[in-house]
Amino acid sequence: TRLKSQTDWNGDDASGFNGLASGNYCKYYNSFNYMGTYGNFWTSSEYTTLAYQRYLFGNSNGVGRNRTTKNDGRPVRCLKND
């Protein structure tokens, strides 16, 4: 819950990340999925022709990681190095 937005779900946003339940876009089905349920985010890590994503679950405190096609859509977070 420390990464989750207080707005979209019952997170406390203690980390300042403010993760929203954005869902994702699937090019194969040309559809948006899981909006309001999962927060999916691209990472900078790749695996062959795939890319890694991180995701927040609406019904648990965990953070998941898996590989997915780069043709799909996920939100990104830009970070500034000081």
PDB file of N, CA and C in Angstrom:
ATOM      1  N   THR A   1       0.814  -1.209   0.000  1.00  0.00           N
ATOM      2  CA  THR A   1       0.000   0.000   0.000  1.00  0.00           C
ATOM      3  C   THR A   1       0.848   1.260   0.000  1.00  0.00           C
ATOM      4  N   ARG A   2       2.134   1.151   0.222  1.00  0.00           N
ATOM      5  CA  ARG A   2       2.992   2.320   0.320  1.00  0.00           C
ATOM      6  C   ARG A   2       3.238   2.982  -1.029  1.00  0.00           C
ATOM      7  N   LEU A   3       3.025   2.261  -2.116  1.00  0.00           N
ATOM      8  CA  LEU A   3       3.186   2.827  -3.458  1.00  0.00           C
ATOM      9  C   LEU A   3       1.869   3.285  -4.067  1.00  0.00           C
ATOM     10  N   LYS A   4       0.769   2.839  -3.503  1.00  0.00           N
ATOM     11  CA  LYS A   4      -0.541   3.062  -4.108  1.00  0.00           C
ATOM     12  C   LYS A   4      -1.107   4.441  -3.784  1.00  0.00           C
ATOM     13  N   SER A   5      -1.773   4.981  -4.767  1.00  0.00           N
ATOM     14  CA  SER A   5      -2.458   6.255  -4.618  1.00  0.00           C
ATOM     15  C   SER A   5      -3.605   6.136  -3.615  1.00  0.00           C
ATOM     16  N   GLN A   6      -3.842   7.183  -2.878  1.00  0.00           N
ATOM     17  CA  GLN A   6      -5.000   7.224  -1.987  1.00  0.00           C
ATOM     18  C   GLN A   6      -6.279   7.427  -2.790  1.00  0.00           C
ATOM     19  N   THR A   7      -6.148   7.985  -3.998  1.00  0.00           N
ATOM     20  CA  THR A   7      -7.302   8.300  -4.834  1.00  0.00           C
ATOM     21  C   THR A   7      -7.911   7.063  -5.471  1.00  0.00           C
ATOM     22  N   ASP A   8      -7.098   6.245  -6.165  1.00  0.00           N
ATOM     23  CA  ASP A   8      -7.617   5.096  -6.910  1.00  0.00           C
ATOM     24  C   ASP A   8      -7.954   3.901  -6.042  1.00  0.00           C
ATOM     25  N   TRP A   9      -7.222   3.710  -4.977  1.00  0.00           N
ATOM     26  CA  TRP A   9      -7.461   2.579  -4.105  1.00  0.00           C
ATOM     27  C   TRP A   9      -6.994   2.939  -2.705  1.00  0.00           C
ATOM     28  N   ASN A  10      -7.133   2.057  -1.776  1.00  0.00           N
ATOM     29  CA  ASN A  10      -6.868   2.377  -0.371  1.00  0.00           C
ATOM     30  C   ASN A  10      -5.389   2.291  -0.019  1.00  0.00           C
ATOM     31  N   GLY A  11      -4.563   2.985  -0.772  1.00  0.00           N
ATOM     32  CA  GLY A  11      -3.143   3.031  -0.462  1.00  0.00           C
ATOM     33  C   GLY A  11      -2.846   4.201   0.449  1.00  0.00           C
ATOM     34  N   ASP A  12      -1.645   4.205   1.004  1.00  0.00           N
ATOM     35  CA  ASP A  12      -1.274   5.344   1.844  1.00  0.00           C
ATOM     36  C   ASP A  12      -0.251   6.242   1.158  1.00  0.00           C
ATOM     37  N   ASP A  13       0.263   5.825  -0.004  1.00  0.00           N
ATOM     38  CA  ASP A  13       1.217   6.605  -0.783  1.00  0.00           C
ATOM     39  C   ASP A  13       2.374   7.126   0.062  1.00  0.00           C
ATOM     40  N   ALA A  14       2.803   6.343   1.027  1.00  0.00           N
ATOM     41  CA  ALA A  14       3.884   6.765   1.920  1.00  0.00           C
ATOM     42  C   ALA A  14       5.202   6.965   1.169  1.00  0.00           C
ATOM     43  N   SER A  15       5.353   6.326   0.010  1.00  0.00           N
ATOM     44  CA  SER A  15       6.596   6.445  -0.753  1.00  0.00           C
ATOM     45  C   SER A  15       6.634   7.692  -1.627  1.00  0.00           C
ATOM     46  N   GLY A  16       5.468   8.297  -1.884  1.00  0.00           N
ATOM     47  CA  GLY A  16       5.391   9.434  -2.794  1.00  0.00           C
ATOM     48  C   GLY A  16       5.267   9.029  -4.251  1.00  0.00           C
ATOM     49  N   PHE A  17       5.203   7.743  -4.535  1.00  0.00           N
ATOM     50  CA  PHE A  17       5.093   7.247  -5.911  1.00  0.00           C
ATOM     51  C   PHE A  17       3.722   7.539  -6.511  1.00  0.00           C
ATOM     52  N   ASN A  18       2.685   7.479  -5.715  1.00  0.00           N
ATOM     53  CA  ASN A  18       1.308   7.765  -6.133  1.00  0.00           C
ATOM     54  C   ASN A  18       0.859   6.863  -7.287  1.00  0.00           C
ATOM     55  N   GLY A  19       1.067   5.558  -7.140  1.00  0.00           N
ATOM     56  CA  GLY A  19       0.705   4.600  -8.189  1.00  0.00           C
ATOM     57  C   GLY A  19      -0.792   4.540  -8.417  1.00  0.00           C
ATOM     58  N   LEU A  20      -1.197   4.746  -9.660  1.00  0.00           N
ATOM     59  CA  LEU A  20      -2.605   4.735 -10.026  1.00  0.00           C
ATOM     60  C   LEU A  20      -2.994   3.390 -10.628  1.00  0.00           C
ATOM     61  N   ALA A  21      -4.257   3.051 -10.524  1.00  0.00           N
ATOM     62  CA  ALA A  21      -4.787   1.809 -11.093  1.00  0.00           C
ATOM     63  C   ALA A  21      -5.041   2.025 -12.581  1.00  0.00           C
ATOM     64  N   SER A  22      -3.958   2.142 -13.340  1.00  0.00           N
ATOM     65  CA  SER A  22      -4.009   2.553 -14.739  1.00  0.00           C
ATOM     66  C   SER A  22      -4.349   1.433 -15.715  1.00  0.00           C
ATOM     67  N   GLY A  23      -4.136   0.195 -15.316  1.00  0.00           N
ATOM     68  CA  GLY A  23      -4.353  -0.917 -16.233  1.00  0.00           C
ATOM     69  C   GLY A  23      -3.303  -0.928 -17.329  1.00  0.00           C
ATOM     70  N   ASN A  24      -3.663  -1.487 -18.498  1.00  0.00           N
ATOM     71  CA  ASN A  24      -2.727  -1.544 -19.621  1.00  0.00           C
ATOM     72  C   ASN A  24      -3.488  -1.568 -20.938  1.00  0.00           C
ATOM     73  N   TYR A  25      -2.727  -1.450 -22.022  1.00  0.00           N
ATOM     74  CA  TYR A  25      -3.279  -1.555 -23.370  1.00  0.00           C
ATOM     75  C   TYR A  25      -2.706  -2.792 -24.040  1.00  0.00           C
ATOM     76  N   CYS A  26      -3.552  -3.607 -24.645  1.00  0.00           N
ATOM     77  CA  CYS A  26      -3.130  -4.809 -25.367  1.00  0.00           C
ATOM     78  C   CYS A  26      -3.333  -4.572 -26.864  1.00  0.00           C
ATOM     79  N   LYS A  27      -2.230  -4.501 -27.603  1.00  0.00           N
ATOM     80  CA  LYS A  27      -2.315  -4.250 -29.044  1.00  0.00           C
ATOM     81  C   LYS A  27      -3.003  -5.398 -29.778  1.00  0.00           C
ATOM     82  N   TYR A  28      -2.717  -6.634 -29.372  1.00  0.00           N
ATOM     83  CA  TYR A  28      -3.292  -7.798 -30.045  1.00  0.00           C
ATOM     84  C   TYR A  28      -4.822  -7.732 -30.070  1.00  0.00           C
ATOM     85  N   TYR A  29      -5.421  -7.378 -28.929  1.00  0.00           N
ATOM     86  CA  TYR A  29      -6.881  -7.291 -28.830  1.00  0.00           C
ATOM     87  C   TYR A  29      -7.393  -5.870 -29.043  1.00  0.00           C
ATOM     88  N   ASN A  30      -6.468  -4.909 -29.225  1.00  0.00           N
ATOM     89  CA  ASN A  30      -6.822  -3.506 -29.386  1.00  0.00           C
ATOM     90  C   ASN A  30      -7.780  -3.046 -28.287  1.00  0.00           C
ATOM     91  N   SER A  31      -7.378  -3.304 -27.035  1.00  0.00           N
ATOM     92  CA  SER A  31      -8.266  -2.971 -25.924  1.00  0.00           C
ATOM     93  C   SER A  31      -7.471  -2.544 -24.691  1.00  0.00           C
ATOM     94  N   PHE A  32      -8.115  -1.730 -23.879  1.00  0.00           N
ATOM     95  CA  PHE A  32      -7.575  -1.350 -22.576  1.00  0.00           C
ATOM     96  C   PHE A  32      -8.114  -2.335 -21.549  1.00  0.00           C
ATOM     97  N   ASN A  33      -7.252  -2.777 -20.630  1.00  0.00           N
ATOM     98  CA  ASN A  33      -7.635  -3.814 -19.673  1.00  0.00           C
ATOM     99  C   ASN A  33      -7.235  -3.431 -18.255  1.00  0.00           C
ATOM    100  N   TYR A  34      -7.969  -3.921 -17.294  1.00  0.00           N
ATOM    101  CA  TYR A  34      -7.641  -3.868 -15.869  1.00  0.00           C
ATOM    102  C   TYR A  34      -7.586  -2.453 -15.283  1.00  0.00           C
ATOM    103  N   MET A  35      -8.173  -1.483 -15.961  1.00  0.00           N
ATOM    104  CA  MET A  35      -8.210  -0.132 -15.388  1.00  0.00           C
ATOM    105  C   MET A  35      -9.027  -0.171 -14.100  1.00  0.00           C
ATOM    106  N   GLY A  36      -8.499   0.421 -13.063  1.00  0.00           N
ATOM    107  CA  GLY A  36      -9.150   0.393 -11.768  1.00  0.00           C
ATOM    108  C   GLY A  36      -8.812  -0.828 -10.944  1.00  0.00           C
ATOM    109  N   THR A  37      -8.069  -1.789 -11.522  1.00  0.00           N
ATOM    110  CA  THR A  37      -7.720  -3.021 -10.835  1.00  0.00           C
ATOM    111  C   THR A  37      -6.223  -3.178 -10.620  1.00  0.00           C
ATOM    112  N   TYR A  38      -5.432  -2.912 -11.659  1.00  0.00           N
ATOM    113  CA  TYR A  38      -3.974  -3.038 -11.599  1.00  0.00           C
ATOM    114  C   TYR A  38      -3.322  -1.723 -11.988  1.00  0.00           C
ATOM    115  N   GLY A  39      -2.148  -1.502 -11.451  1.00  0.00           N
ATOM    116  CA  GLY A  39      -1.302  -0.400 -11.898  1.00  0.00           C
ATOM    117  C   GLY A  39      -0.094  -1.002 -12.583  1.00  0.00           C
ATOM    118  N   ASN A  40      -0.005  -0.852 -13.894  1.00  0.00           N
ATOM    119  CA  ASN A  40       1.090  -1.431 -14.672  1.00  0.00           C
ATOM    120  C   ASN A  40       2.064  -0.333 -15.079  1.00  0.00           C
ATOM    121  N   PHE A  41       3.368  -0.631 -15.010  1.00  0.00           N
ATOM    122  CA  PHE A  41       4.385   0.360 -15.357  1.00  0.00           C
ATOM    123  C   PHE A  41       5.549  -0.312 -16.059  1.00  0.00           C
ATOM    124  N   TRP A  42       6.012   0.302 -17.169  1.00  0.00           N
ATOM    125  CA  TRP A  42       7.221  -0.191 -17.824  1.00  0.00           C
ATOM    126  C   TRP A  42       8.414   0.009 -16.915  1.00  0.00           C
ATOM    127  N   THR A  43       9.411  -0.862 -17.070  1.00  0.00           N
ATOM    128  CA  THR A  43      10.713  -0.652 -16.446  1.00  0.00           C
ATOM    129  C   THR A  43      11.716  -0.399 -17.571  1.00  0.00           C
ATOM    130  N   SER A  44      12.940  -0.107 -17.236  1.00  0.00           N
ATOM    131  CA  SER A  44      13.970   0.085 -18.263  1.00  0.00           C
ATOM    132  C   SER A  44      14.667  -1.232 -18.621  1.00  0.00           C
ATOM    133  N   SER A  45      14.257  -2.332 -18.022  1.00  0.00           N
ATOM    134  CA  SER A  45      14.891  -3.639 -18.252  1.00  0.00           C
ATOM    135  C   SER A  45      14.258  -4.371 -19.433  1.00  0.00           C
ATOM    136  N   GLU A  46      15.120  -5.030 -20.210  1.00  0.00           N
ATOM    137  CA  GLU A  46      14.655  -5.798 -21.352  1.00  0.00           C
ATOM    138  C   GLU A  46      15.108  -7.258 -21.237  1.00  0.00           C
ATOM    139  N   TYR A  47      14.401  -8.123 -21.947  1.00  0.00           N
ATOM    140  CA  TYR A  47      14.770  -9.536 -22.038  1.00  0.00           C
ATOM    141  C   TYR A  47      14.528  -9.942 -23.490  1.00  0.00           C
ATOM    142  N   THR A  48      15.569 -10.109 -24.240  1.00  0.00           N
ATOM    143  CA  THR A  48      15.509 -10.367 -25.685  1.00  0.00           C
ATOM    144  C   THR A  48      14.600  -9.327 -26.344  1.00  0.00           C
ATOM    145  N   THR A  49      13.519  -9.759 -26.972  1.00  0.00           N
ATOM    146  CA  THR A  49      12.613  -8.808 -27.641  1.00  0.00           C
ATOM    147  C   THR A  49      11.490  -8.335 -26.728  1.00  0.00           C
ATOM    148  N   LEU A  50      11.507  -8.738 -25.470  1.00  0.00           N
ATOM    149  CA  LEU A  50      10.464  -8.372 -24.511  1.00  0.00           C
ATOM    150  C   LEU A  50      10.963  -7.285 -23.563  1.00  0.00           C
ATOM    151  N   ALA A  51      10.044  -6.718 -22.810  1.00  0.00           N
ATOM    152  CA  ALA A  51      10.397  -5.731 -21.793  1.00  0.00           C
ATOM    153  C   ALA A  51       9.750  -6.139 -20.475  1.00  0.00           C
ATOM    154  N   TYR A  52      10.369  -5.741 -19.388  1.00  0.00           N
ATOM    155  CA  TYR A  52       9.800  -6.025 -18.068  1.00  0.00           C
ATOM    156  C   TYR A  52       8.821  -4.937 -17.663  1.00  0.00           C
ATOM    157  N   GLN A  53       7.817  -5.355 -16.927  1.00  0.00           N
ATOM    158  CA  GLN A  53       6.881  -4.417 -16.320  1.00  0.00           C
ATOM    159  C   GLN A  53       6.776  -4.727 -14.836  1.00  0.00           C
ATOM    160  N   ARG A  54       6.404  -3.742 -14.072  1.00  0.00           N
ATOM    161  CA  ARG A  54       6.038  -3.915 -12.664  1.00  0.00           C
ATOM    162  C   ARG A  54       4.561  -3.602 -12.562  1.00  0.00           C
ATOM    163  N   TYR A  55       3.897  -4.268 -11.638  1.00  0.00           N
ATOM    164  CA  TYR A  55       2.478  -3.988 -11.481  1.00  0.00           C
ATOM    165  C   TYR A  55       2.064  -4.065 -10.022  1.00  0.00           C
ATOM    166  N   LEU A  56       1.114  -3.229  -9.690  1.00  0.00           N
ATOM    167  CA  LEU A  56       0.502  -3.191  -8.365  1.00  0.00           C
ATOM    168  C   LEU A  56      -0.861  -3.848  -8.458  1.00  0.00           C
ATOM    169  N   PHE A  57      -1.215  -4.590  -7.438  1.00  0.00           N
ATOM    170  CA  PHE A  57      -2.504  -5.272  -7.383  1.00  0.00           C
ATOM    171  C   PHE A  57      -3.479  -4.444  -6.546  1.00  0.00           C
ATOM    172  N   GLY A  58      -4.713  -4.388  -6.991  1.00  0.00           N
ATOM    173  CA  GLY A  58      -5.717  -3.684  -6.214  1.00  0.00           C
ATOM    174  C   GLY A  58      -6.106  -4.397  -4.939  1.00  0.00           C
ATOM    175  N   ASN A  59      -6.003  -5.738  -4.934  1.00  0.00           N
ATOM    176  CA  ASN A  59      -6.487  -6.515  -3.798  1.00  0.00           C
ATOM    177  C   ASN A  59      -5.376  -7.085  -2.922  1.00  0.00           C
ATOM    178  N   SER A  60      -4.137  -6.614  -3.098  1.00  0.00           N
ATOM    179  CA  SER A  60      -3.059  -7.079  -2.231  1.00  0.00           C
ATOM    180  C   SER A  60      -1.986  -6.006  -2.135  1.00  0.00           C
ATOM    181  N   ASN A  61      -1.032  -6.239  -1.254  1.00  0.00           N
ATOM    182  CA  ASN A  61       0.031  -5.271  -1.042  1.00  0.00           C
ATOM    183  C   ASN A  61       1.267  -5.553  -1.879  1.00  0.00           C
ATOM    184  N   GLY A  62       1.226  -6.577  -2.706  1.00  0.00           N
ATOM    185  CA  GLY A  62       2.405  -6.979  -3.454  1.00  0.00           C
ATOM    186  C   GLY A  62       2.701  -6.125  -4.667  1.00  0.00           C
ATOM    187  N   VAL A  63       3.931  -6.252  -5.146  1.00  0.00           N
ATOM    188  CA  VAL A  63       4.367  -5.663  -6.409  1.00  0.00           C
ATOM    189  C   VAL A  63       4.858  -6.810  -7.273  1.00  0.00           C
ATOM    190  N   GLY A  64       4.312  -6.943  -8.472  1.00  0.00           N
ATOM    191  CA  GLY A  64       4.686  -8.030  -9.354  1.00  0.00           C
ATOM    192  C   GLY A  64       5.639  -7.580 -10.445  1.00  0.00           C
ATOM    193  N   ARG A  65       6.261  -8.554 -11.088  1.00  0.00           N
ATOM    194  CA  ARG A  65       7.175  -8.288 -12.201  1.00  0.00           C
ATOM    195  C   ARG A  65       7.036  -9.406 -13.212  1.00  0.00           C
ATOM    196  N   ASN A  66       6.923  -9.052 -14.482  1.00  0.00           N
ATOM    197  CA  ASN A  66       6.939 -10.054 -15.529  1.00  0.00           C
ATOM    198  C   ASN A  66       7.388  -9.438 -16.846  1.00  0.00           C
ATOM    199  N   ARG A  67       7.552 -10.294 -17.859  1.00  0.00           N
ATOM    200  CA  ARG A  67       7.953  -9.847 -19.191  1.00  0.00           C
ATOM    201  C   ARG A  67       6.718  -9.775 -20.074  1.00  0.00           C
ATOM    202  N   THR A  68       6.732  -8.813 -20.994  1.00  0.00           N
ATOM    203  CA  THR A  68       5.620  -8.676 -21.921  1.00  0.00           C
ATOM    204  C   THR A  68       6.126  -8.081 -23.230  1.00  0.00           C
ATOM    205  N   THR A  69       5.328  -8.200 -24.262  1.00  0.00           N
ATOM    206  CA  THR A  69       5.703  -7.671 -25.563  1.00  0.00           C
ATOM    207  C   THR A  69       5.796  -6.145 -25.527  1.00  0.00           C
ATOM    208  N   LYS A  70       6.706  -5.615 -26.305  1.00  0.00           N
ATOM    209  CA  LYS A  70       6.880  -4.162 -26.366  1.00  0.00           C
ATOM    210  C   LYS A  70       5.782  -3.494 -27.191  1.00  0.00           C
ATOM    211  N   ASN A  71       4.949  -4.285 -27.853  1.00  0.00           N
ATOM    212  CA  ASN A  71       3.843  -3.725 -28.631  1.00  0.00           C
ATOM    213  C   ASN A  71       2.694  -3.252 -27.759  1.00  0.00           C
ATOM    214  N   ASP A  72       2.630  -3.736 -26.523  1.00  0.00           N
ATOM    215  CA  ASP A  72       1.562  -3.340 -25.619  1.00  0.00           C
ATOM    216  C   ASP A  72       1.874  -1.988 -24.993  1.00  0.00           C
ATOM    217  N   GLY A  73       0.902  -1.407 -24.360  1.00  0.00           N
ATOM    218  CA  GLY A  73       1.073  -0.092 -23.761  1.00  0.00           C
ATOM    219  C   GLY A  73       1.040  -0.141 -22.242  1.00  0.00           C
ATOM    220  N   ARG A  74       1.981   0.558 -21.630  1.00  0.00           N
ATOM    221  CA  ARG A  74       2.046   0.706 -20.179  1.00  0.00           C
ATOM    222  C   ARG A  74       2.442   2.139 -19.876  1.00  0.00           C
ATOM    223  N   PRO A  75       2.019   2.668 -18.749  1.00  0.00           N
ATOM    224  CA  PRO A  75       2.491   3.998 -18.364  1.00  0.00           C
ATOM    225  C   PRO A  75       3.977   3.955 -18.001  1.00  0.00           C
ATOM    226  N   VAL A  76       4.604   5.092 -18.012  1.00  0.00           N
ATOM    227  CA  VAL A  76       6.001   5.222 -17.587  1.00  0.00           C
ATOM    228  C   VAL A  76       6.084   6.278 -16.495  1.00  0.00           C
ATOM    229  N   ARG A  77       7.114   6.179 -15.688  1.00  0.00           N
ATOM    230  CA  ARG A  77       7.417   7.200 -14.686  1.00  0.00           C
ATOM    231  C   ARG A  77       8.802   7.730 -14.989  1.00  0.00           C
ATOM    232  N   CYS A  78       8.915   9.008 -15.181  1.00  0.00           N
ATOM    233  CA  CYS A  78      10.220   9.621 -15.443  1.00  0.00           C
ATOM    234  C   CYS A  78      10.819  10.074 -14.128  1.00  0.00           C
ATOM    235  N   LEU A  79      12.075   9.710 -13.922  1.00  0.00           N
ATOM    236  CA  LEU A  79      12.771  10.067 -12.701  1.00  0.00           C
ATOM    237  C   LEU A  79      13.963  10.950 -13.042  1.00  0.00           C
ATOM    238  N   LYS A  80      14.195  11.932 -12.225  1.00  0.00           N
ATOM    239  CA  LYS A  80      15.308  12.844 -12.425  1.00  0.00           C
ATOM    240  C   LYS A  80      16.420  12.486 -11.474  1.00  0.00           C
ATOM    241  N   ASN A  81      17.620  12.294 -12.006  1.00  0.00           N
ATOM    242  CA  ASN A  81      18.797  12.073 -11.168  1.00  0.00           C
ATOM    243  C   ASN A  81      19.339  13.426 -10.711  1.00  0.00           C
ATOM    244  N   ASP A  82      19.590  13.542  -9.433  1.00  0.00           N
ATOM    245  CA  ASP A  82      20.143  14.811  -8.919  1.00  0.00           C
ATOM    246  C   ASP A  82      21.644  14.809  -8.989  1.00  0.00           C
TER     247      ASP A  82
END
